[in-house]
């Protein structure tokens, strides 16, 4: 996951408590790891704590499919499957586990609610060709391109899907297809036009390091969308993480093993109520 810390207080919290993060160009970087980078012996030894920021109360997801790959054949089928995943995810039990988390920024305790995640206007398909190396600034540029013709929604996560001919890069680290595989996806936030824009990059999971046993490629993509979406909801900027800097889905990434339910790919989620990873 990837977060731009917008407020000075958030930066102070992060410096003290986010030992697992690294800073790159003003961003605190905490990416969804590949299987090879997921060994974290201490990640389940402590609970998530609330750090004073907003959660997304009734979240929406705007899937942004970048490139002609998503317009026909396998790409179009995968796009339909991803939209189907978002349509049902926000009202099922795998999302429901995060309804225990809350914020107090409105003057009262406000819990995360179940919601139909898929944006009411559906997805957005951009036929322009993304670069082979999709940098973080390119991801933000694509989100801004969408927002130039659509109304900003403060409860939305703008999730950018790139085709198998491209890869994501974050400094020297890359996703599948890149020269320095270190992560499978990330989420974050940046400021533009007076707004804090929540977003994620969802690279095509075309490598063994981002593949769960028995999963199809689109189930792998759903697995990472599950991870990034729940973390963007529980920790858009400065809300829920543990004393080691791990967010909710970090604590259960790859272990226990990701699973399929109803044909869709998921991972386990950390529950403070259960003090462990749950389905």
Protein backbone atom coordinates (compact mmCIF):
# COMPACT_ATOMS: atom_id res chain seq x y z
CA UNK A 1 0.00 0.00 0.00
CA UNK A 2 1.04 3.55 -0.57
CA UNK A 3 -0.03 6.64 1.32
CA UNK A 4 0.66 10.34 0.93
CA UNK A 5 0.50 11.75 4.45
CA UNK A 6 -1.50 14.93 4.03
CA UNK A 7 -1.42 16.27 7.59
CA UNK A 8 1.56 17.15 9.76
CA UNK A 9 0.16 15.12 12.66
CA UNK A 10 -0.06 12.09 10.41
CA UNK A 11 3.60 12.48 9.53
CA UNK A 12 4.50 12.55 13.21
CA UNK A 13 2.51 9.35 13.84
CA UNK A 14 4.11 7.65 10.87
CA UNK A 15 7.65 8.56 11.85
CA UNK A 16 7.09 7.05 15.28
CA UNK A 17 5.03 3.99 14.38
CA UNK A 18 5.48 2.92 10.79
CA UNK A 19 8.82 1.18 10.92
CA UNK A 20 7.80 -1.13 8.08
CA UNK A 21 7.31 1.77 5.66
CA UNK A 22 9.79 3.54 3.38
CA UNK A 23 9.57 7.07 2.06
CA UNK A 24 9.78 7.76 -1.68
CA UNK A 25 9.27 11.24 -3.13
CA UNK A 26 7.08 12.36 -0.22
CA UNK A 27 5.02 9.16 -0.13
CA UNK A 28 4.99 6.62 2.63
CA UNK A 29 5.25 3.35 0.77
CA UNK A 30 3.76 0.12 2.07
CA UNK A 31 3.03 -2.16 -0.86
CA UNK A 32 1.13 -5.43 -1.04
CA UNK A 33 4.00 -7.92 -1.03
CA UNK A 34 4.71 -10.75 -3.39
CA UNK A 35 4.72 -14.22 -1.89
CA UNK A 36 8.51 -14.08 -1.55
CA UNK A 37 8.36 -10.79 0.39
CA UNK A 38 5.52 -11.73 2.73
CA UNK A 39 7.42 -13.32 5.64
CA UNK A 40 6.64 -11.07 8.64
CA UNK A 41 6.99 -12.95 11.93
CA UNK A 42 5.77 -10.00 14.07
CA UNK A 43 2.79 -8.87 12.03
CA UNK A 44 0.18 -10.79 14.05
CA UNK A 45 1.52 -9.94 17.50
CA UNK A 46 -0.52 -6.79 18.03
CA UNK A 47 -3.89 -5.21 17.31
CA UNK A 48 -4.75 -2.43 14.89
CA UNK A 49 -4.94 0.99 16.54
CA UNK A 50 -6.93 4.06 15.53
CA UNK A 51 -4.82 7.14 14.72
CA UNK A 52 -7.49 9.83 14.38
CA UNK A 53 -8.20 10.05 10.66
CA UNK A 54 -11.25 9.31 8.52
CA UNK A 55 -12.41 5.90 7.38
CA UNK A 56 -14.54 5.55 4.24
CA UNK A 57 -18.00 5.17 5.71
CA UNK A 58 -19.94 4.12 2.59
CA UNK A 59 -17.22 3.42 0.09
CA UNK A 60 -17.42 3.24 -3.68
CA UNK A 61 -14.93 1.87 -6.18
CA UNK A 62 -14.40 3.42 -9.61
CA UNK A 63 -12.55 0.80 -11.70
CA UNK A 64 -10.45 2.51 -14.40
CA UNK A 65 -9.38 0.13 -17.17
CA UNK A 66 -6.48 1.66 -19.04
CA UNK A 67 -5.64 0.34 -22.52
CA UNK A 68 -7.38 -1.34 -25.45
CA UNK A 69 -6.70 -4.79 -23.91
CA UNK A 70 -9.81 -4.35 -21.75
CA UNK A 71 -12.12 -3.77 -24.70
CA UNK A 72 -12.32 -7.23 -26.28
CA UNK A 73 -11.51 -10.92 -25.87
CA UNK A 74 -9.87 -12.06 -22.63
CA UNK A 75 -9.45 -8.51 -21.37
CA UNK A 76 -13.14 -7.72 -21.75
CA UNK A 77 -14.08 -10.94 -19.94
CA UNK A 78 -11.67 -10.12 -17.10
CA UNK A 79 -13.09 -6.60 -16.89
CA UNK A 80 -16.62 -8.00 -16.55
CA UNK A 81 -15.46 -10.43 -13.86
CA UNK A 82 -13.74 -7.65 -11.90
CA UNK A 83 -16.86 -5.48 -12.05
CA UNK A 84 -18.91 -8.44 -10.83
CA UNK A 85 -16.51 -8.82 -7.92
CA UNK A 86 -16.93 -5.17 -6.88
CA UNK A 87 -20.71 -5.38 -7.30
CA UNK A 88 -21.03 -8.04 -4.59
CA UNK A 89 -17.94 -7.53 -2.41
CA UNK A 90 -19.12 -4.58 -0.31
CA UNK A 91 -22.19 -6.37 1.05
CA UNK A 92 -20.71 -9.79 1.81
CA UNK A 93 -19.05 -11.26 4.91
CA UNK A 94 -15.51 -10.79 3.58
CA UNK A 95 -16.08 -7.04 3.59
CA UNK A 96 -18.31 -7.14 6.65
CA UNK A 97 -15.37 -7.98 8.94
CA UNK A 98 -14.11 -4.37 8.61
CA UNK A 99 -17.37 -2.89 9.90
CA UNK A 100 -15.83 -3.13 13.39
CA UNK A 101 -13.51 -0.22 12.52
CA UNK A 102 -14.59 3.40 12.91
CA UNK A 103 -13.61 7.05 13.01
CA UNK A 104 -14.48 9.93 15.34
CA UNK A 105 -13.79 12.86 12.99
CA UNK A 106 -17.45 13.87 12.74
CA UNK A 107 -17.84 14.34 16.50
CA UNK A 108 -19.35 10.91 17.05
CA UNK A 109 -18.30 7.32 16.44
CA UNK A 110 -18.92 6.39 12.82
CA UNK A 111 -18.41 2.77 11.77
CA UNK A 112 -17.59 1.46 8.30
CA UNK A 113 -20.84 0.41 6.64
CA UNK A 114 -21.73 -2.21 4.08
CA UNK A 115 -22.25 -0.70 0.63
CA UNK A 116 -22.48 -1.68 -3.02
CA UNK A 117 -18.92 -0.86 -3.95
CA UNK A 118 -19.19 -0.62 -7.72
CA UNK A 119 -19.67 3.00 -8.73
CA UNK A 120 -23.24 3.73 -9.80
CA UNK A 121 -21.92 4.95 -13.14
CA UNK A 122 -20.02 1.70 -13.67
CA UNK A 123 -16.39 1.48 -14.70
CA UNK A 124 -14.37 3.77 -16.96
CA UNK A 125 -12.60 2.41 -20.02
CA UNK A 126 -9.73 4.48 -21.43
CA UNK A 127 -8.62 3.19 -24.84
CA UNK A 128 -5.36 5.17 -24.81
CA UNK A 129 -2.21 3.10 -24.43
CA UNK A 130 -0.50 3.22 -21.03
CA UNK A 131 3.31 3.32 -20.99
CA UNK A 132 5.18 0.08 -20.47
CA UNK A 133 6.47 1.44 -17.16
CA UNK A 134 3.53 2.97 -15.29
CA UNK A 135 5.01 5.22 -12.62
CA UNK A 136 3.09 6.53 -9.65
CA UNK A 137 2.78 9.93 -11.31
CA UNK A 138 1.29 8.21 -14.38
CA UNK A 139 -1.30 6.47 -12.19
CA UNK A 140 -2.26 9.77 -10.60
CA UNK A 141 -2.42 11.35 -14.05
CA UNK A 142 -4.86 8.67 -15.21
CA UNK A 143 -7.08 9.24 -12.19
CA UNK A 144 -6.97 12.99 -12.84
CA UNK A 145 -7.94 12.32 -16.46
CA UNK A 146 -11.06 10.53 -15.25
CA UNK A 147 -11.85 13.31 -12.77
CA UNK A 148 -11.52 15.97 -15.48
CA UNK A 149 -14.89 14.77 -16.83
CA UNK A 150 -16.47 13.26 -13.71
CA UNK A 151 -17.46 14.59 -10.29
CA UNK A 152 -15.09 13.80 -7.44
CA UNK A 153 -16.50 11.51 -4.73
CA UNK A 154 -14.77 11.72 -1.35
CA UNK A 155 -15.95 8.18 -0.51
CA UNK A 156 -14.53 6.68 -3.71
CA UNK A 157 -11.36 4.70 -4.38
CA UNK A 158 -10.15 5.16 -7.96
CA UNK A 159 -8.58 1.82 -8.90
CA UNK A 160 -6.45 1.77 -12.06
CA UNK A 161 -6.09 -1.56 -13.90
CA UNK A 162 -3.27 -1.86 -16.43
CA UNK A 163 -2.85 -4.54 -19.13
CA UNK A 164 -0.29 -7.37 -19.23
CA UNK A 165 1.90 -5.28 -21.58
CA UNK A 166 2.57 -2.76 -18.77
CA UNK A 167 3.96 -2.90 -15.25
CA UNK A 168 3.86 -0.61 -12.23
CA UNK A 169 6.95 0.98 -10.72
CA UNK A 170 7.47 2.66 -7.37
CA UNK A 171 11.00 3.97 -7.26
CA UNK A 172 13.22 0.99 -8.01
CA UNK A 173 10.53 -1.54 -7.00
CA UNK A 174 8.19 -2.97 -9.63
CA UNK A 175 5.19 -5.23 -10.05
CA UNK A 176 4.85 -8.26 -12.32
CA UNK A 177 6.52 -7.63 -15.68
CA UNK A 178 9.08 -5.21 -14.28
CA UNK A 179 12.81 -5.73 -13.69
CA UNK A 180 12.69 -5.60 -9.87
CA UNK A 181 9.61 -7.51 -8.69
CA UNK A 182 8.76 -6.48 -5.12
CA UNK A 183 4.99 -5.95 -4.90
CA UNK A 184 1.68 -6.91 -6.51
CA UNK A 185 -0.38 -3.73 -6.00
CA UNK A 186 -0.64 -0.66 -3.78
CA UNK A 187 -3.10 1.99 -2.64
CA UNK A 188 -2.59 5.58 -1.54
CA UNK A 189 -3.84 9.12 -1.49
CA UNK A 190 -2.73 12.42 -3.01
CA UNK A 191 -4.02 15.98 -3.03
CA UNK A 192 -5.36 17.67 -6.16
CA UNK A 193 -7.89 20.43 -6.67
CA UNK A 194 -8.38 20.78 -2.93
CA UNK A 195 -9.34 17.11 -2.58
CA UNK A 196 -7.66 14.11 -0.99
CA UNK A 197 -7.97 11.51 -3.74
CA UNK A 198 -7.86 7.85 -2.74
CA UNK A 199 -6.51 5.53 -5.44
CA UNK A 200 -4.80 2.24 -6.17
CA UNK A 201 -2.76 0.69 -8.94
CA UNK A 202 -3.79 -2.83 -9.87
CA UNK A 203 -1.06 -4.28 -12.11
CA UNK A 204 -1.81 -7.35 -14.19
CA UNK A 205 -0.82 -10.37 -12.01
CA UNK A 206 1.11 -12.21 -14.69
CA UNK A 207 3.94 -13.68 -12.59
CA UNK A 208 4.35 -16.53 -10.11
CA UNK A 209 5.22 -14.11 -7.30
CA UNK A 210 1.67 -12.71 -7.45
CA UNK A 211 -0.14 -15.99 -8.09
CA UNK A 212 -2.12 -17.93 -5.50
CA UNK A 213 -2.24 -21.70 -5.93
CA UNK A 214 -5.26 -22.81 -7.95
CA UNK A 215 -6.33 -19.27 -8.86
CA UNK A 216 -7.08 -17.99 -12.34
CA UNK A 217 -5.45 -14.71 -13.36
CA UNK A 218 -8.64 -12.74 -12.70
CA UNK A 219 -9.01 -14.38 -9.27
CA UNK A 220 -5.46 -13.23 -8.51
CA UNK A 221 -6.53 -9.71 -9.52
CA UNK A 222 -9.60 -9.94 -7.27
CA UNK A 223 -7.39 -11.08 -4.40
CA UNK A 224 -5.30 -7.89 -4.67
CA UNK A 225 -8.35 -5.68 -5.20
CA UNK A 226 -9.78 -7.22 -2.00
CA UNK A 227 -6.58 -6.32 -0.14
CA UNK A 228 -6.23 -2.78 -1.47
CA UNK A 229 -9.91 -1.86 -1.25
CA UNK A 230 -10.31 -2.90 2.40
CA UNK A 231 -7.13 -1.09 3.36
CA UNK A 232 -8.14 2.07 1.49
CA UNK A 233 -11.43 1.96 3.45
CA UNK A 234 -9.89 1.30 6.89
CA UNK A 235 -6.85 3.54 6.39
CA UNK A 236 -7.35 6.13 3.62
CA UNK A 237 -4.63 8.34 5.12
CA UNK A 238 -4.30 8.17 8.91
CA UNK A 239 -6.79 5.77 10.47
CA UNK A 240 -6.06 2.10 11.31
CA UNK A 241 -2.69 0.33 11.48
CA UNK A 242 -0.69 -1.54 14.11
CA UNK A 243 2.41 -0.45 16.01
CA UNK A 244 4.67 -2.03 13.38
CA UNK A 245 3.00 -0.08 10.57
CA UNK A 246 0.95 -2.95 9.13
CA UNK A 247 -2.54 -2.19 7.87
CA UNK A 248 -5.45 -4.60 8.18
CA UNK A 249 -4.80 -6.82 5.16
CA UNK A 250 -1.00 -6.70 5.54
CA UNK A 251 -1.32 -8.72 8.69
CA UNK A 252 -2.89 -11.65 6.80
CA UNK A 253 -1.21 -11.29 3.38
CA UNK A 254 -0.55 -14.74 1.85
CA UNK A 255 -0.87 -16.47 5.24
CA UNK A 256 -3.33 -18.08 5.71
CA UNK A 257 -3.45 -18.89 2.01
CA UNK A 258 -5.78 -16.84 -0.24
CA UNK A 259 -9.05 -18.61 -1.01
CA UNK A 260 -11.94 -18.67 -3.49
CA UNK A 261 -15.56 -18.14 -2.48
CA UNK A 262 -18.43 -17.89 -4.95
CA UNK A 263 -15.91 -17.97 -7.78
CA UNK A 264 -14.09 -14.83 -6.55
CA UNK A 265 -10.57 -14.57 -5.10
CA UNK A 266 -10.03 -13.25 -1.55
CA UNK A 267 -7.50 -13.17 1.27
CA UNK A 268 -8.04 -13.41 5.02
CA UNK A 269 -8.63 -10.19 6.96
CA UNK A 270 -7.35 -9.09 10.36
CA UNK A 271 -10.06 -8.81 13.02
CA UNK A 272 -9.36 -7.00 16.27
CA UNK A 273 -12.50 -8.61 17.67
CA UNK A 274 -11.11 -12.09 16.96
CA UNK A 275 -7.45 -11.15 17.52
CA UNK A 276 -6.51 -12.94 14.34
CA UNK A 277 -7.05 -13.48 10.62
CA UNK A 278 -10.58 -14.44 9.63
CA UNK A 279 -12.50 -15.21 6.43
